[in-house]
Amino acid sequence: MTETTTAAEWPRPYWQPSDEQAVLLFFVFGAFAEGVTIPSSTYGSPGLPEGIEMQRMQNAVLARWEGYPLAGALGDLLREDSPEAFKAAKAAPHVMVIRGRFPDRDSLDYLRDTLGVVAALTDVGGKVVVDPQILTLFDASAWREHYLVPGGAPPRHHVLILCSPEEEAKGRSWIRTRGMRKFGRPDVSITHVPDNAIDAVGALAENLVELSALGSRFEDGQLIDVTGVRGGLKVALSGDENDPRFNNSHAAMRWPD
């Protein structure tokens, strides 16, 4: 992807239209003057794209909302992941809530423009950024290091890839992603992965993230070529945003016995 600090386009060279919608959601905690000017042009962004809204809220008021990211299971996870940043977010007087959804598009300019606004908010009082779609909390410097990198942050930086052992199958693991809603694409789920294939399947998941982010689509029943798997892995499309494992639809695949 093109560096965030330029105004260059973010094309999707493999784009195939779909009925999916891209969903963006960020919380920026800090101290923001009412009516603050946000210098997003510094980061190649003309401002928030159509379909995205931003609301300045009192942190104490937002904390009463059921979806408050610093509460519940997500809050526990974020606190454990980065205690100091979590403490700073809790202490912040304000939160900028940025959210919206888009029909599937042939470019990622909407993401570029939104990230430019998030970057600019860290210049005018933003201290902590929460990206609930990847279950991650960043202090301002960590967020900038993650996304404002030479050549631009790759799709992998926008998505979380997880691996956990399967309880009912010793020596097998489940590899999955979170965050592909940002691109209007299903997440990836590969179950029953043997221990000796975890690294290879992790690399496969990363490759599928890259292709999907740049516009390619899964087809139900599609076969994914995988070294060592005769006939490949068969894709089953299922799920929706109400699935708590992904908060998204997903492309499910199962490694053979």
Protein backbone atom coordinates (compact mmCIF):
# COMPACT_ATOMS: atom_id res chain seq x y z
CA MET A 1 0.00 0.00 0.00
CA THR A 2 1.09 3.57 -0.58
CA GLU A 3 2.59 5.40 2.36
CA THR A 4 -0.06 7.10 4.48
CA THR A 5 1.77 10.44 4.35
CA THR A 6 1.18 10.78 0.60
CA ALA A 7 -2.02 11.43 -1.34
CA ALA A 8 -1.41 8.58 -3.79
CA GLU A 9 -4.22 6.16 -4.55
CA TRP A 10 -4.54 2.82 -2.80
CA PRO A 11 -5.71 0.59 -5.66
CA ARG A 12 -7.03 -2.97 -5.44
CA PRO A 13 -5.47 -4.68 -8.45
CA TYR A 14 -7.32 -7.97 -7.86
CA TRP A 15 -10.70 -6.40 -7.19
CA GLN A 16 -13.79 -8.49 -7.89
CA PRO A 17 -17.11 -6.87 -6.89
CA SER A 18 -19.08 -8.39 -4.04
CA ASP A 19 -22.13 -7.73 -1.87
CA GLU A 20 -19.95 -7.38 1.24
CA GLN A 21 -19.55 -4.08 3.07
CA ALA A 22 -16.36 -2.63 4.50
CA VAL A 23 -16.66 -1.58 8.16
CA LEU A 24 -14.31 0.80 9.99
CA LEU A 25 -14.32 1.48 13.73
CA PHE A 26 -11.68 3.33 15.76
CA PHE A 27 -11.65 4.99 19.18
CA VAL A 28 -9.09 7.74 19.80
CA PHE A 29 -8.73 8.65 23.48
CA GLY A 30 -7.24 11.98 24.50
CA ALA A 31 -8.02 15.62 25.23
CA PHE A 32 -9.63 17.38 22.25
CA ALA A 33 -10.77 20.98 22.18
CA GLU A 34 -14.32 21.40 20.94
CA GLY A 35 -14.22 22.26 17.23
CA VAL A 36 -10.53 21.30 16.98
CA THR A 37 -8.99 21.56 13.51
CA ILE A 38 -7.72 18.19 12.38
CA PRO A 39 -4.69 18.53 10.04
CA SER A 40 -5.39 15.37 8.03
CA SER A 41 -3.91 16.84 4.84
CA THR A 42 -0.51 16.39 6.48
CA TYR A 43 -1.11 12.67 5.99
CA GLY A 44 -2.48 12.80 2.45
CA SER A 45 -6.11 12.70 3.57
CA PRO A 46 -8.77 15.19 2.48
CA GLY A 47 -10.73 14.25 5.60
CA LEU A 48 -13.18 11.53 6.45
CA PRO A 49 -14.72 9.87 3.39
CA GLU A 50 -18.45 9.81 2.77
CA GLY A 51 -19.95 7.05 4.91
CA ILE A 52 -17.72 7.70 7.92
CA GLU A 53 -18.78 9.77 10.91
CA MET A 54 -16.74 11.09 13.81
CA GLN A 55 -18.17 12.08 17.16
CA ARG A 56 -16.37 13.73 20.09
CA MET A 57 -17.63 12.29 23.36
CA GLN A 58 -16.90 12.58 27.03
CA ASN A 59 -15.08 9.43 28.09
CA ALA A 60 -17.26 9.09 31.18
CA VAL A 61 -20.39 9.22 29.02
CA LEU A 62 -19.11 6.70 26.49
CA ALA A 63 -18.18 4.38 29.35
CA ARG A 64 -21.90 3.86 30.00
CA TRP A 65 -22.37 2.49 26.46
CA GLU A 66 -22.64 -1.28 26.13
CA GLY A 67 -19.97 -1.34 23.43
CA TYR A 68 -17.38 0.67 25.40
CA PRO A 69 -14.06 -0.89 24.33
CA LEU A 70 -12.34 -0.57 27.71
CA ALA A 71 -14.97 -2.69 29.48
CA GLY A 72 -15.91 -6.35 29.48
CA ALA A 73 -13.84 -9.11 27.90
CA LEU A 74 -12.27 -6.76 25.35
CA GLY A 75 -11.29 -4.34 28.09
CA ASP A 76 -9.64 -7.15 30.07
CA LEU A 77 -7.69 -8.19 26.98
CA LEU A 78 -6.56 -4.63 26.22
CA ARG A 79 -5.51 -4.01 29.82
CA GLU A 80 -3.39 -7.16 29.82
CA ASP A 81 -1.87 -6.33 26.44
CA SER A 82 -0.78 -2.76 27.28
CA PRO A 83 -1.37 -1.71 30.91
CA GLU A 84 0.12 1.79 30.63
CA ALA A 85 -1.76 2.69 27.45
CA PHE A 86 -4.95 1.26 28.93
CA LYS A 87 -4.50 3.44 32.02
CA ALA A 88 -3.95 6.51 29.83
CA ALA A 89 -7.10 5.74 27.83
CA LYS A 90 -9.18 5.37 30.98
CA ALA A 91 -7.87 8.71 32.27
CA ALA A 92 -8.47 10.61 29.02
CA PRO A 93 -11.30 13.17 29.19
CA HIS A 94 -12.51 12.66 25.61
CA VAL A 95 -12.94 10.02 22.95
CA MET A 96 -13.21 10.54 19.20
CA VAL A 97 -15.39 7.74 17.88
CA ILE A 98 -14.84 7.09 14.16
CA ARG A 99 -17.14 4.62 12.45
CA GLY A 100 -18.87 3.83 9.20
CA ARG A 101 -19.43 1.30 6.45
CA PHE A 102 -19.02 1.29 2.70
CA PRO A 103 -20.18 -0.81 -0.23
CA ASP A 104 -17.38 -2.85 -1.76
CA ARG A 105 -15.03 -0.61 -3.75
CA ASP A 106 -12.22 -0.98 -6.26
CA SER A 107 -9.82 1.12 -4.18
CA LEU A 108 -8.88 1.49 -0.52
CA ASP A 109 -8.84 5.28 -0.59
CA TYR A 110 -11.55 5.27 2.10
CA LEU A 111 -9.15 3.47 4.44
CA ARG A 112 -6.24 5.76 3.54
CA ASP A 113 -8.33 8.86 4.23
CA THR A 114 -9.65 7.52 7.53
CA LEU A 115 -6.19 6.53 8.75
CA GLY A 116 -4.98 10.01 7.83
CA VAL A 117 -7.57 11.48 10.18
CA VAL A 118 -6.58 9.06 12.97
CA ALA A 119 -2.93 10.05 12.49
CA ALA A 120 -3.84 13.73 12.61
CA LEU A 121 -5.80 13.21 15.84
CA THR A 122 -2.60 11.97 17.49
CA ASP A 123 -1.14 15.40 16.65
CA VAL A 124 -3.92 17.38 18.34
CA GLY A 125 -4.45 15.60 21.64
CA GLY A 126 -4.92 11.90 20.84
CA LYS A 127 -3.00 9.66 23.22
CA VAL A 128 -4.37 6.15 22.63
CA VAL A 129 -6.00 4.45 19.64
CA VAL A 130 -8.21 1.38 20.08
CA ASP A 131 -8.90 -0.80 17.06
CA PRO A 132 -11.55 -3.24 18.35
CA GLN A 133 -11.65 -5.17 15.09
CA ILE A 134 -8.15 -6.50 15.80
CA LEU A 135 -8.55 -6.48 19.60
CA THR A 136 -5.65 -4.04 19.92
CA LEU A 137 -4.82 -0.86 21.81
CA PHE A 138 -1.92 1.39 20.79
CA ASP A 139 -0.42 4.45 22.43
CA ALA A 140 0.02 7.22 19.88
CA SER A 141 3.67 6.46 19.13
CA ALA A 142 3.03 2.72 18.73
CA TRP A 143 0.11 3.41 16.39
CA ARG A 144 2.22 5.67 14.23
CA GLU A 145 5.07 3.14 14.18
CA HIS A 146 2.63 0.41 13.13
CA TYR A 147 0.89 2.32 10.34
CA LEU A 148 3.07 5.25 9.27
CA VAL A 149 5.95 3.22 7.87
CA PRO A 150 8.07 3.72 4.72
CA GLY A 151 6.16 2.36 1.75
CA GLY A 152 2.94 2.18 3.75
CA ALA A 153 1.62 -0.41 6.19
CA PRO A 154 0.89 -3.73 4.45
CA PRO A 155 -2.58 -5.32 4.76
CA ARG A 156 -1.16 -7.68 7.39
CA HIS A 157 -0.82 -4.73 9.78
CA HIS A 158 -4.56 -4.10 9.61
CA VAL A 159 -5.51 -7.68 10.49
CA LEU A 160 -4.90 -9.98 13.46
CA ILE A 161 -3.82 -13.58 12.81
CA LEU A 162 -4.47 -15.90 15.74
CA CYS A 163 -3.48 -19.48 16.49
CA SER A 164 -4.91 -21.61 19.30
CA PRO A 165 -4.84 -25.35 20.09
CA GLU A 166 -7.97 -27.35 19.43
CA GLU A 167 -9.34 -28.76 22.67
CA GLU A 168 -10.70 -31.97 21.18
CA ALA A 169 -7.84 -32.81 18.84
CA LYS A 170 -4.38 -33.12 20.36
CA GLY A 171 -1.63 -31.83 18.11
CA ARG A 172 -4.06 -29.78 16.02
CA SER A 173 -4.61 -26.02 16.00
CA TRP A 174 -7.04 -23.41 14.68
CA ILE A 175 -5.61 -20.50 12.68
CA ARG A 176 -7.90 -17.58 11.99
CA THR A 177 -7.97 -13.87 11.26
CA ARG A 178 -9.82 -10.84 12.56
CA GLY A 179 -10.18 -7.47 10.89
CA MET A 180 -11.00 -8.30 7.28
CA ARG A 181 -14.23 -6.30 7.63
CA LYS A 182 -12.03 -3.25 6.98
CA PHE A 183 -11.67 -4.53 3.43
CA GLY A 184 -15.21 -5.83 2.94
CA ARG A 185 -13.97 -9.40 2.83
CA PRO A 186 -14.57 -12.48 5.00
CA ASP A 187 -12.03 -13.51 7.59
CA VAL A 188 -10.03 -16.71 7.18
CA SER A 189 -10.55 -19.77 9.39
CA ILE A 190 -8.42 -22.93 9.01
CA THR A 191 -9.11 -25.67 11.54
CA HIS A 192 -7.48 -29.00 12.39
CA VAL A 193 -4.00 -27.75 11.42
CA PRO A 194 -1.26 -30.22 12.49
CA ASP A 195 1.60 -28.89 14.58
CA ASN A 196 4.14 -29.42 11.81
CA ALA A 197 2.11 -27.23 9.43
CA ILE A 198 1.38 -24.25 11.70
CA ASP A 199 4.08 -21.99 10.25
CA ALA A 200 3.13 -22.83 6.68
CA VAL A 201 -0.58 -22.28 7.34
CA GLY A 202 0.16 -19.01 9.12
CA ALA A 203 1.99 -17.88 5.98
CA LEU A 204 -0.96 -19.09 3.88
CA ALA A 205 -3.37 -17.05 6.01
CA GLU A 206 -1.17 -13.99 5.59
CA ASN A 207 -1.11 -14.50 1.81
CA LEU A 208 -4.92 -14.87 1.71
CA VAL A 209 -5.24 -11.66 3.74
CA GLU A 210 -3.06 -9.84 1.23
CA LEU A 211 -4.98 -11.11 -1.80
CA SER A 212 -8.37 -10.39 -0.24
CA ALA A 213 -7.39 -6.91 0.91
CA LEU A 214 -6.30 -6.15 -2.64
CA GLY A 215 -9.69 -7.20 -3.95
CA SER A 216 -9.83 -10.93 -4.65
CA ARG A 217 -12.84 -12.93 -3.45
CA PHE A 218 -13.46 -16.40 -2.10
CA GLU A 219 -16.08 -18.56 -3.81
CA ASP A 220 -18.11 -21.07 -1.84
CA GLY A 221 -16.69 -24.52 -2.61
CA GLN A 222 -13.45 -23.08 -3.99
CA LEU A 223 -10.32 -25.22 -3.57
CA ILE A 224 -7.18 -23.54 -2.23
CA ASP A 225 -3.93 -25.17 -3.36
CA VAL A 226 -1.77 -26.11 -0.39
CA THR A 227 1.48 -28.03 -0.50
CA GLY A 228 1.00 -31.45 1.07
CA VAL A 229 -2.79 -31.43 0.89
CA ARG A 230 -4.11 -33.53 -1.97
CA GLY A 231 -6.96 -31.70 -3.68
CA GLY A 232 -6.38 -28.55 -1.63
CA LEU A 233 -8.50 -27.01 1.12
CA LYS A 234 -12.18 -26.51 0.34
CA VAL A 235 -13.73 -23.15 1.25
CA ALA A 236 -17.13 -22.91 2.95
CA LEU A 237 -18.46 -19.38 3.30
CA SER A 238 -20.58 -18.75 6.38
CA GLY A 239 -21.24 -16.49 9.35
CA ASP A 240 -22.00 -12.78 9.73
CA GLU A 241 -21.21 -9.83 11.98
CA ASN A 242 -23.06 -11.45 14.87
CA ASP A 243 -20.51 -14.26 15.09
CA PRO A 244 -18.42 -13.24 18.14
CA ARG A 245 -15.37 -15.21 16.93
CA PHE A 246 -14.95 -12.91 13.94
CA ASN A 247 -17.68 -10.22 14.05
CA ASN A 248 -17.69 -10.92 10.33
CA SER A 249 -18.43 -13.58 7.76
CA HIS A 250 -15.60 -16.06 7.26
CA ALA A 251 -14.09 -18.49 4.78
CA ALA A 252 -13.82 -21.78 6.64
CA MET A 253 -11.34 -24.50 5.66
CA ARG A 254 -10.43 -27.74 7.44
CA TRP A 255 -7.12 -29.56 7.22
CA PRO A 256 -7.74 -33.24 6.42
CA ASP A 257 -7.19 -35.97 9.00
